[in-house]
Every structure is written in structure tokens, then in C-alpha cells.
Amino acid sequence: MVLYRLMLSNVTSRGWILTTLVADMLRDFPDYLPNTYLQYYLYPEYKFSRLDPNFTRANEVINGREKRVFEECRTAVAEGTTRNVHVVHND
């Protein structure tokens, strides 16, 4: 449970939080490591019932990570260094 909370504390978007919730997959397929992309194939009703056709994963990325990365890139170009760039990592 501590590892689970640590994982969620490092997640910055709702989509990633939902993706990290793979307890059902671990319970249903205990011999395999969970692959979050397989959730759409193994649990289609669950996954699709939570999708919003007006705000897709692409919109979430554009409004979240892409925006942060582009802002940091502008900062790096303006300062001529990446020394003060901290957001471009595996978030």
C-alpha cells in the first residue's frame, strides 16, 4: 500500500492515476505483470464507460504534459540553458 500511495503521489494527471489502478488485472491474471494498455481489451465496458468523447486522452496530454514541456522548452531557449528546466522527465 505504501508503494501504491507513492506511485499516486508522483502522478500528475487523472488519466495516469486511472491507468495505475491495475488491481483488477493483478487479481484476474496473477501470473502476469499488468500492462495498462491491455485494460482496453480485457475490460472494455469498464474503460469505455469512463471515456469522455469531448475530452479525450489527447486533450488531457495537450492541456497537461505538452503544455508543461513546451513552457519548459521556451524557458530553456530564453535562458540559453536547461539548468533551470525540471519538468521534462517521466511524469
PDB file of N, CA and C in Angstrom:
ATOM      1  N   MET A   1       0.814  -1.191   0.000  1.00  0.00           N
ATOM      2  CA  MET A   1       0.000   0.000   0.000  1.00  0.00           C
ATOM      3  C   MET A   1       0.862   1.260   0.000  1.00  0.00           C
ATOM      4  N   VAL A   2       1.994   1.221   0.666  1.00  0.00           N
ATOM      5  CA  VAL A   2       2.892   2.379   0.685  1.00  0.00           C
ATOM      6  C   VAL A   2       3.406   2.666  -0.716  1.00  0.00           C
ATOM      7  N   LEU A   3       3.814   1.614  -1.441  1.00  0.00           N
ATOM      8  CA  LEU A   3       4.283   1.787  -2.814  1.00  0.00           C
ATOM      9  C   LEU A   3       3.178   2.361  -3.684  1.00  0.00           C
ATOM     10  N   TYR A   4       1.959   1.873  -3.512  1.00  0.00           N
ATOM     11  CA  TYR A   4       0.810   2.357  -4.264  1.00  0.00           C
ATOM     12  C   TYR A   4       0.605   3.851  -4.029  1.00  0.00           C
ATOM     13  N   ARG A   5       0.655   4.279  -2.771  1.00  0.00           N
ATOM     14  CA  ARG A   5       0.491   5.706  -2.461  1.00  0.00           C
ATOM     15  C   ARG A   5       1.636   6.529  -3.033  1.00  0.00           C
ATOM     16  N   LEU A   6       2.838   5.976  -2.986  1.00  0.00           N
ATOM     17  CA  LEU A   6       3.993   6.665  -3.555  1.00  0.00           C
ATOM     18  C   LEU A   6       3.815   6.836  -5.054  1.00  0.00           C
ATOM     19  N   MET A   7       3.342   5.790  -5.724  1.00  0.00           N
ATOM     20  CA  MET A   7       3.100   5.889  -7.166  1.00  0.00           C
ATOM     21  C   MET A   7       2.113   7.006  -7.455  1.00  0.00           C
ATOM     22  N   LEU A   8       0.996   7.031  -6.727  1.00  0.00           N
ATOM     23  CA  LEU A   8      -0.024   8.040  -6.984  1.00  0.00           C
ATOM     24  C   LEU A   8       0.456   9.438  -6.642  1.00  0.00           C
ATOM     25  N   SER A   9       1.338   9.572  -5.672  1.00  0.00           N
ATOM     26  CA  SER A   9       1.834  10.897  -5.313  1.00  0.00           C
ATOM     27  C   SER A   9       2.708  11.481  -6.414  1.00  0.00           C
ATOM     28  N   ASN A  10       3.254  10.637  -7.280  1.00  0.00           N
ATOM     29  CA  ASN A  10       4.105  11.098  -8.370  1.00  0.00           C
ATOM     30  C   ASN A  10       3.346  11.259  -9.681  1.00  0.00           C
ATOM     31  N   VAL A  11       2.077  10.957  -9.685  1.00  0.00           N
ATOM     32  CA  VAL A  11       1.269  11.025 -10.897  1.00  0.00           C
ATOM     33  C   VAL A  11       0.605  12.389 -10.956  1.00  0.00           C
ATOM     34  N   THR A  12       0.636  13.004 -12.141  1.00  0.00           N
ATOM     35  CA  THR A  12       0.150  14.378 -12.238  1.00  0.00           C
ATOM     36  C   THR A  12      -1.165  14.539 -12.973  1.00  0.00           C
ATOM     37  N   SER A  13      -1.671  13.510 -13.632  1.00  0.00           N
ATOM     38  CA  SER A  13      -2.914  13.679 -14.368  1.00  0.00           C
ATOM     39  C   SER A  13      -3.899  12.570 -14.023  1.00  0.00           C
ATOM     40  N   ARG A  14      -5.168  12.879 -14.154  1.00  0.00           N
ATOM     41  CA  ARG A  14      -6.234  11.930 -13.844  1.00  0.00           C
ATOM     42  C   ARG A  14      -6.080  10.651 -14.662  1.00  0.00           C
ATOM     43  N   GLY A  15      -5.733  10.787 -15.935  1.00  0.00           N
ATOM     44  CA  GLY A  15      -5.570   9.620 -16.801  1.00  0.00           C
ATOM     45  C   GLY A  15      -4.510   8.668 -16.302  1.00  0.00           C
ATOM     46  N   TRP A  16      -3.408   9.210 -15.817  1.00  0.00           N
ATOM     47  CA  TRP A  16      -2.347   8.353 -15.300  1.00  0.00           C
ATOM     48  C   TRP A  16      -2.746   7.727 -13.983  1.00  0.00           C
ATOM     49  N   ILE A  17      -3.500   8.438 -13.169  1.00  0.00           N
ATOM     50  CA  ILE A  17      -3.971   7.851 -11.915  1.00  0.00           C
ATOM     51  C   ILE A  17      -4.855   6.650 -12.219  1.00  0.00           C
ATOM     52  N   LEU A  18      -5.784   6.810 -13.157  1.00  0.00           N
ATOM     53  CA  LEU A  18      -6.655   5.696 -13.519  1.00  0.00           C
ATOM     54  C   LEU A  18      -5.862   4.551 -14.130  1.00  0.00           C
ATOM     55  N   THR A  19      -4.835   4.875 -14.881  1.00  0.00           N
ATOM     56  CA  THR A  19      -4.015   3.847 -15.508  1.00  0.00           C
ATOM     57  C   THR A  19      -3.248   3.039 -14.478  1.00  0.00           C
ATOM     58  N   THR A  20      -2.822   3.678 -13.397  1.00  0.00           N
ATOM     59  CA  THR A  20      -2.044   2.954 -12.395  1.00  0.00           C
ATOM     60  C   THR A  20      -2.906   2.062 -11.515  1.00  0.00           C
ATOM     61  N   LEU A  21      -4.200   2.194 -11.624  1.00  0.00           N
ATOM     62  CA  LEU A  21      -5.091   1.363 -10.818  1.00  0.00           C
ATOM     63  C   LEU A  21      -5.314   0.024 -11.516  1.00  0.00           C
ATOM     64  N   VAL A  22      -4.378  -0.859 -11.385  1.00  0.00           N
ATOM     65  CA  VAL A  22      -4.420  -2.136 -12.107  1.00  0.00           C
ATOM     66  C   VAL A  22      -4.686  -3.314 -11.167  1.00  0.00           C
ATOM     67  N   ALA A  23      -5.287  -3.055 -10.041  1.00  0.00           N
ATOM     68  CA  ALA A  23      -5.539  -4.123  -9.068  1.00  0.00           C
ATOM     69  C   ALA A  23      -6.401  -5.231  -9.661  1.00  0.00           C
ATOM     70  N   ASP A  24      -7.413  -4.868 -10.451  1.00  0.00           N
ATOM     71  CA  ASP A  24      -8.264  -5.892 -11.066  1.00  0.00           C
ATOM     72  C   ASP A  24      -7.451  -6.806 -11.966  1.00  0.00           C
ATOM     73  N   MET A  25      -6.561  -6.222 -12.747  1.00  0.00           N
ATOM     74  CA  MET A  25      -5.751  -7.025 -13.654  1.00  0.00           C
ATOM     75  C   MET A  25      -4.834  -7.962 -12.870  1.00  0.00           C
ATOM     76  N   LEU A  26      -4.257  -7.472 -11.800  1.00  0.00           N
ATOM     77  CA  LEU A  26      -3.406  -8.324 -10.965  1.00  0.00           C
ATOM     78  C   LEU A  26      -4.207  -9.459 -10.343  1.00  0.00           C
ATOM     79  N   ARG A  27      -5.422  -9.162  -9.939  1.00  0.00           N
ATOM     80  CA  ARG A  27      -6.283 -10.167  -9.323  1.00  0.00           C
ATOM     81  C   ARG A  27      -6.753 -11.191 -10.364  1.00  0.00           C
ATOM     82  N   ASP A  28      -7.138 -10.719 -11.545  1.00  0.00           N
ATOM     83  CA  ASP A  28      -7.665 -11.601 -12.586  1.00  0.00           C
ATOM     84  C   ASP A  28      -6.588 -12.412 -13.292  1.00  0.00           C
ATOM     85  N   PHE A  29      -5.375 -11.870 -13.376  1.00  0.00           N
ATOM     86  CA  PHE A  29      -4.274 -12.534 -14.078  1.00  0.00           C
ATOM     87  C   PHE A  29      -3.023 -12.496 -13.204  1.00  0.00           C
ATOM     88  N   PRO A  30      -3.008 -13.246 -12.108  1.00  0.00           N
ATOM     89  CA  PRO A  30      -1.914 -13.140 -11.132  1.00  0.00           C
ATOM     90  C   PRO A  30      -0.554 -13.607 -11.644  1.00  0.00           C
ATOM     91  N   ASP A  31      -0.524 -14.350 -12.730  1.00  0.00           N
ATOM     92  CA  ASP A  31       0.752 -14.845 -13.256  1.00  0.00           C
ATOM     93  C   ASP A  31       1.429 -13.865 -14.205  1.00  0.00           C
ATOM     94  N   TYR A  32       0.803 -12.739 -14.471  1.00  0.00           N
ATOM     95  CA  TYR A  32       1.330 -11.790 -15.449  1.00  0.00           C
ATOM     96  C   TYR A  32       1.527 -10.418 -14.823  1.00  0.00           C
ATOM     97  N   LEU A  33       2.521  -9.710 -15.305  1.00  0.00           N
ATOM     98  CA  LEU A  33       2.671  -8.310 -14.919  1.00  0.00           C
ATOM     99  C   LEU A  33       1.615  -7.507 -15.656  1.00  0.00           C
ATOM    100  N   PRO A  34       0.993  -6.566 -15.007  1.00  0.00           N
ATOM    101  CA  PRO A  34      -0.061  -5.808 -15.677  1.00  0.00           C
ATOM    102  C   PRO A  34       0.491  -4.910 -16.778  1.00  0.00           C
ATOM    103  N   ASN A  35      -0.233  -4.853 -17.850  1.00  0.00           N
ATOM    104  CA  ASN A  35       0.067  -3.960 -18.957  1.00  0.00           C
ATOM    105  C   ASN A  35      -1.132  -3.039 -19.076  1.00  0.00           C
ATOM    106  N   THR A  36      -0.961  -1.789 -18.759  1.00  0.00           N
ATOM    107  CA  THR A  36      -2.101  -0.883 -18.691  1.00  0.00           C
ATOM    108  C   THR A  36      -2.833  -0.726 -20.019  1.00  0.00           C
ATOM    109  N   TYR A  37      -2.139  -0.908 -21.133  1.00  0.00           N
ATOM    110  CA  TYR A  37      -2.812  -0.792 -22.423  1.00  0.00           C
ATOM    111  C   TYR A  37      -3.773  -1.948 -22.658  1.00  0.00           C
ATOM    112  N   LEU A  38      -3.517  -3.096 -22.042  1.00  0.00           N
ATOM    113  CA  LEU A  38      -4.413  -4.240 -22.200  1.00  0.00           C
ATOM    114  C   LEU A  38      -5.748  -4.028 -21.499  1.00  0.00           C
ATOM    115  N   GLN A  39      -5.830  -3.059 -20.610  1.00  0.00           N
ATOM    116  CA  GLN A  39      -7.096  -2.808 -19.923  1.00  0.00           C
ATOM    117  C   GLN A  39      -8.223  -2.543 -20.912  1.00  0.00           C
ATOM    118  N   TYR A  40      -7.930  -1.895 -22.024  1.00  0.00           N
ATOM    119  CA  TYR A  40      -8.958  -1.586 -23.013  1.00  0.00           C
ATOM    120  C   TYR A  40      -9.486  -2.852 -23.682  1.00  0.00           C
ATOM    121  N   TYR A  41      -8.672  -3.892 -23.755  1.00  0.00           N
ATOM    122  CA  TYR A  41      -9.078  -5.154 -24.363  1.00  0.00           C
ATOM    123  C   TYR A  41      -9.685  -6.108 -23.344  1.00  0.00           C
ATOM    124  N   LEU A  42      -9.145  -6.118 -22.132  1.00  0.00           N
ATOM    125  CA  LEU A  42      -9.615  -7.050 -21.113  1.00  0.00           C
ATOM    126  C   LEU A  42     -10.864  -6.559 -20.385  1.00  0.00           C
ATOM    127  N   TYR A  43     -11.019  -5.240 -20.284  1.00  0.00           N
ATOM    128  CA  TYR A  43     -12.151  -4.650 -19.565  1.00  0.00           C
ATOM    129  C   TYR A  43     -12.774  -3.525 -20.397  1.00  0.00           C
ATOM    130  N   PRO A  44     -13.216  -3.832 -21.611  1.00  0.00           N
ATOM    131  CA  PRO A  44     -13.687  -2.750 -22.490  1.00  0.00           C
ATOM    132  C   PRO A  44     -14.896  -1.990 -21.947  1.00  0.00           C
ATOM    133  N   GLU A  45     -15.850  -2.687 -21.350  1.00  0.00           N
ATOM    134  CA  GLU A  45     -17.034  -1.987 -20.840  1.00  0.00           C
ATOM    135  C   GLU A  45     -16.642  -0.982 -19.757  1.00  0.00           C
ATOM    136  N   TYR A  46     -15.775  -1.412 -18.856  1.00  0.00           N
ATOM    137  CA  TYR A  46     -15.325  -0.532 -17.776  1.00  0.00           C
ATOM    138  C   TYR A  46     -14.582   0.681 -18.339  1.00  0.00           C
ATOM    139  N   LYS A  47     -13.622   0.442 -19.214  1.00  0.00           N
ATOM    140  CA  LYS A  47     -12.808   1.540 -19.743  1.00  0.00           C
ATOM    141  C   LYS A  47     -13.651   2.510 -20.566  1.00  0.00           C
ATOM    142  N   PHE A  48     -14.489   1.975 -21.460  1.00  0.00           N
ATOM    143  CA  PHE A  48     -15.247   2.851 -22.340  1.00  0.00           C
ATOM    144  C   PHE A  48     -16.367   3.582 -21.610  1.00  0.00           C
ATOM    145  N   SER A  49     -16.835   3.028 -20.500  1.00  0.00           N
ATOM    146  CA  SER A  49     -17.874   3.727 -19.739  1.00  0.00           C
ATOM    147  C   SER A  49     -17.328   4.988 -19.078  1.00  0.00           C
ATOM    148  N   ARG A  50     -16.009   5.099 -18.987  1.00  0.00           N
ATOM    149  CA  ARG A  50     -15.387   6.248 -18.338  1.00  0.00           C
ATOM    150  C   ARG A  50     -14.749   7.234 -19.322  1.00  0.00           C
ATOM    151  N   LEU A  51     -14.874   6.963 -20.595  1.00  0.00           N
ATOM    152  CA  LEU A  51     -14.299   7.864 -21.592  1.00  0.00           C
ATOM    153  C   LEU A  51     -15.248   9.017 -21.879  1.00  0.00           C
ATOM    154  N   ASP A  52     -14.691  10.168 -22.140  1.00  0.00           N
ATOM    155  CA  ASP A  52     -15.464  11.352 -22.499  1.00  0.00           C
ATOM    156  C   ASP A  52     -15.106  11.708 -23.936  1.00  0.00           C
ATOM    157  N   PRO A  53     -16.031  11.528 -24.877  1.00  0.00           N
ATOM    158  CA  PRO A  53     -15.708  11.812 -26.280  1.00  0.00           C
ATOM    159  C   PRO A  53     -15.386  13.284 -26.537  1.00  0.00           C
ATOM    160  N   ASN A  54     -15.758  14.154 -25.610  1.00  0.00           N
ATOM    161  CA  ASN A  54     -15.476  15.579 -25.765  1.00  0.00           C
ATOM    162  C   ASN A  54     -14.163  16.003 -25.116  1.00  0.00           C
ATOM    163  N   PHE A  55     -13.556  15.101 -24.350  1.00  0.00           N
ATOM    164  CA  PHE A  55     -12.265  15.387 -23.721  1.00  0.00           C
ATOM    165  C   PHE A  55     -11.483  14.081 -23.670  1.00  0.00           C
ATOM    166  N   THR A  56     -10.738  13.834 -24.726  1.00  0.00           N
ATOM    167  CA  THR A  56     -10.034  12.567 -24.892  1.00  0.00           C
ATOM    168  C   THR A  56      -8.681  12.576 -24.189  1.00  0.00           C
ATOM    169  N   ARG A  57      -8.008  11.448 -24.230  1.00  0.00           N
ATOM    170  CA  ARG A  57      -6.654  11.351 -23.667  1.00  0.00           C
ATOM    171  C   ARG A  57      -5.736  12.348 -24.376  1.00  0.00           C
ATOM    172  N   ALA A  58      -5.950  12.535 -25.668  1.00  0.00           N
ATOM    173  CA  ALA A  58      -5.140  13.512 -26.409  1.00  0.00           C
ATOM    174  C   ALA A  58      -5.331  14.913 -25.826  1.00  0.00           C
ATOM    175  N   ASN A  59      -6.568  15.290 -25.543  1.00  0.00           N
ATOM    176  CA  ASN A  59      -6.831  16.594 -24.928  1.00  0.00           C
ATOM    177  C   ASN A  59      -6.154  16.712 -23.572  1.00  0.00           C
ATOM    178  N   GLU A  60      -6.201  15.637 -22.815  1.00  0.00           N
ATOM    179  CA  GLU A  60      -5.569  15.630 -21.498  1.00  0.00           C
ATOM    180  C   GLU A  60      -4.067  15.853 -21.613  1.00  0.00           C
ATOM    181  N   VAL A  61      -3.432  15.194 -22.577  1.00  0.00           N
ATOM    182  CA  VAL A  61      -1.989  15.352 -22.785  1.00  0.00           C
ATOM    183  C   VAL A  61      -1.668  16.762 -23.268  1.00  0.00           C
ATOM    184  N   ILE A  62      -2.440  17.260 -24.221  1.00  0.00           N
ATOM    185  CA  ILE A  62      -2.210  18.603 -24.767  1.00  0.00           C
ATOM    186  C   ILE A  62      -2.325  19.658 -23.667  1.00  0.00           C
ATOM    187  N   ASN A  63      -3.339  19.540 -22.830  1.00  0.00           N
ATOM    188  CA  ASN A  63      -3.558  20.525 -21.766  1.00  0.00           C
ATOM    189  C   ASN A  63      -2.642  20.327 -20.566  1.00  0.00           C
ATOM    190  N   GLY A  64      -2.013  19.177 -20.469  1.00  0.00           N
ATOM    191  CA  GLY A  64      -1.170  18.872 -19.317  1.00  0.00           C
ATOM    192  C   GLY A  64       0.300  18.807 -19.667  1.00  0.00           C
ATOM    193  N   ARG A  65       0.756  17.610 -19.977  1.00  0.00           N
ATOM    194  CA  ARG A  65       2.194  17.393 -20.196  1.00  0.00           C
ATOM    195  C   ARG A  65       2.741  18.227 -21.350  1.00  0.00           C
ATOM    196  N   GLU A  66       2.028  18.258 -22.476  1.00  0.00           N
ATOM    197  CA  GLU A  66       2.535  19.025 -23.622  1.00  0.00           C
ATOM    198  C   GLU A  66       2.717  20.496 -23.253  1.00  0.00           C
ATOM    199  N   LYS A  67       1.754  21.048 -22.567  1.00  0.00           N
ATOM    200  CA  LYS A  67       1.835  22.454 -22.159  1.00  0.00           C
ATOM    201  C   LYS A  67       3.047  22.688 -21.255  1.00  0.00           C
ATOM    202  N   ARG A  68       3.245  21.793 -20.268  1.00  0.00           N
ATOM    203  CA  ARG A  68       4.383  21.939 -19.349  1.00  0.00           C
ATOM    204  C   ARG A  68       5.713  21.794 -20.086  1.00  0.00           C
ATOM    205  N   VAL A  69       5.795  20.820 -20.989  1.00  0.00           N
ATOM    206  CA  VAL A  69       7.045  20.595 -21.729  1.00  0.00           C
ATOM    207  C   VAL A  69       7.359  21.799 -22.610  1.00  0.00           C
ATOM    208  N   PHE A  70       6.366  22.301 -23.335  1.00  0.00           N
ATOM    209  CA  PHE A  70       6.608  23.447 -24.216  1.00  0.00           C
ATOM    210  C   PHE A  70       7.005  24.689 -23.416  1.00  0.00           C
ATOM    211  N   GLU A  71       6.384  24.888 -22.260  1.00  0.00           N
ATOM    212  CA  GLU A  71       6.762  26.032 -21.421  1.00  0.00           C
ATOM    213  C   GLU A  71       8.212  25.910 -20.960  1.00  0.00           C
ATOM    214  N   GLU A  72       8.609  24.716 -20.566  1.00  0.00           N
ATOM    215  CA  GLU A  72       9.991  24.496 -20.139  1.00  0.00           C
ATOM    216  C   GLU A  72      10.958  24.674 -21.305  1.00  0.00           C
ATOM    217  N   CYS A  73      10.569  24.238 -22.490  1.00  0.00           N
ATOM    218  CA  CYS A  73      11.427  24.424 -23.669  1.00  0.00           C
ATOM    219  C   CYS A  73      11.613  25.908 -23.966  1.00  0.00           C
ATOM    220  N   ARG A  74      10.532  26.691 -23.856  1.00  0.00           N
ATOM    221  CA  ARG A  74      10.642  28.138 -24.062  1.00  0.00           C
ATOM    222  C   ARG A  74      11.581  28.761 -23.027  1.00  0.00           C
ATOM    223  N   THR A  75      11.485  28.289 -21.791  1.00  0.00           N
ATOM    224  CA  THR A  75      12.379  28.777 -20.735  1.00  0.00           C
ATOM    225  C   THR A  75      13.829  28.457 -21.073  1.00  0.00           C
ATOM    226  N   ALA A  76      14.089  27.232 -21.499  1.00  0.00           N
ATOM    227  CA  ALA A  76      15.458  26.819 -21.836  1.00  0.00           C
ATOM    228  C   ALA A  76      16.008  27.640 -22.989  1.00  0.00           C
ATOM    229  N   VAL A  77      15.195  27.889 -24.006  1.00  0.00           N
ATOM    230  CA  VAL A  77      15.648  28.689 -25.148  1.00  0.00           C
ATOM    231  C   VAL A  77      15.924  30.122 -24.702  1.00  0.00           C
ATOM    232  N   ALA A  78      15.016  30.694 -23.927  1.00  0.00           N
ATOM    233  CA  ALA A  78      15.185  32.079 -23.476  1.00  0.00           C
ATOM    234  C   ALA A  78      16.422  32.244 -22.598  1.00  0.00           C
ATOM    235  N   GLU A  79      16.704  31.251 -21.753  1.00  0.00           N
ATOM    236  CA  GLU A  79      17.857  31.339 -20.850  1.00  0.00           C
ATOM    237  C   GLU A  79      19.133  30.792 -21.471  1.00  0.00           C
ATOM    238  N   GLY A  80      18.996  30.090 -22.594  1.00  0.00           N
ATOM    239  CA  GLY A  80      20.170  29.526 -23.252  1.00  0.00           C
ATOM    240  C   GLY A  80      20.772  28.335 -22.519  1.00  0.00           C
ATOM    241  N   THR A  81      19.997  27.739 -21.615  1.00  0.00           N
ATOM    242  CA  THR A  81      20.474  26.583 -20.846  1.00  0.00           C
ATOM    243  C   THR A  81      19.280  25.770 -20.347  1.00  0.00           C
ATOM    244  N   THR A  82      19.532  24.515 -20.060  1.00  0.00           N
ATOM    245  CA  THR A  82      18.487  23.676 -19.462  1.00  0.00           C
ATOM    246  C   THR A  82      18.680  23.538 -17.954  1.00  0.00           C
ATOM    247  N   ARG A  83      19.585  24.321 -17.412  1.00  0.00           N
ATOM    248  CA  ARG A  83      19.892  24.227 -15.980  1.00  0.00           C
ATOM    249  C   ARG A  83      18.641  24.397 -15.108  1.00  0.00           C
ATOM    250  N   ASN A  84      17.740  25.265 -15.490  1.00  0.00           N
ATOM    251  CA  ASN A  84      16.538  25.527 -14.691  1.00  0.00           C
ATOM    252  C   ASN A  84      15.303  24.790 -15.193  1.00  0.00           C
ATOM    253  N   VAL A  85      15.514  23.800 -16.037  1.00  0.00           N
ATOM    254  CA  VAL A  85      14.405  23.005 -16.564  1.00  0.00           C
ATOM    255  C   VAL A  85      14.254  21.759 -15.698  1.00  0.00           C
ATOM    256  N   HIS A  86      13.067  21.575 -15.137  1.00  0.00           N
ATOM    257  CA  HIS A  86      12.865  20.455 -14.216  1.00  0.00           C
ATOM    258  C   HIS A  86      11.662  19.586 -14.554  1.00  0.00           C
ATOM    259  N   VAL A  87      10.804  20.013 -15.452  1.00  0.00           N
ATOM    260  CA  VAL A  87       9.559  19.279 -15.680  1.00  0.00           C
ATOM    261  C   VAL A  87       9.704  18.153 -16.700  1.00  0.00           C
ATOM    262  N   VAL A  88      10.700  18.197 -17.547  1.00  0.00           N
ATOM    263  CA  VAL A  88      10.826  17.203 -18.609  1.00  0.00           C
ATOM    264  C   VAL A  88      11.489  15.950 -18.050  1.00  0.00           C
ATOM    265  N   HIS A  89      10.662  15.101 -17.507  1.00  0.00           N
ATOM    266  CA  HIS A  89      11.078  13.797 -17.002  1.00  0.00           C
ATOM    267  C   HIS A  89       9.874  12.885 -17.123  1.00  0.00           C
ATOM    268  N   ASN A  90       9.957  11.694 -16.664  1.00  0.00           N
ATOM    269  CA  ASN A  90       8.864  10.742 -16.816  1.00  0.00           C
ATOM    270  C   ASN A  90       7.764  11.027 -15.806  1.00  0.00           C
ATOM    271  N   ASP A  91       6.957  12.031 -16.112  1.00  0.00           N
ATOM    272  CA  ASP A  91       5.824  12.336 -15.232  1.00  0.00           C
ATOM    273  C   ASP A  91       4.603  11.778 -15.869  1.00  0.00           C
TER     274      ASP A  91
END
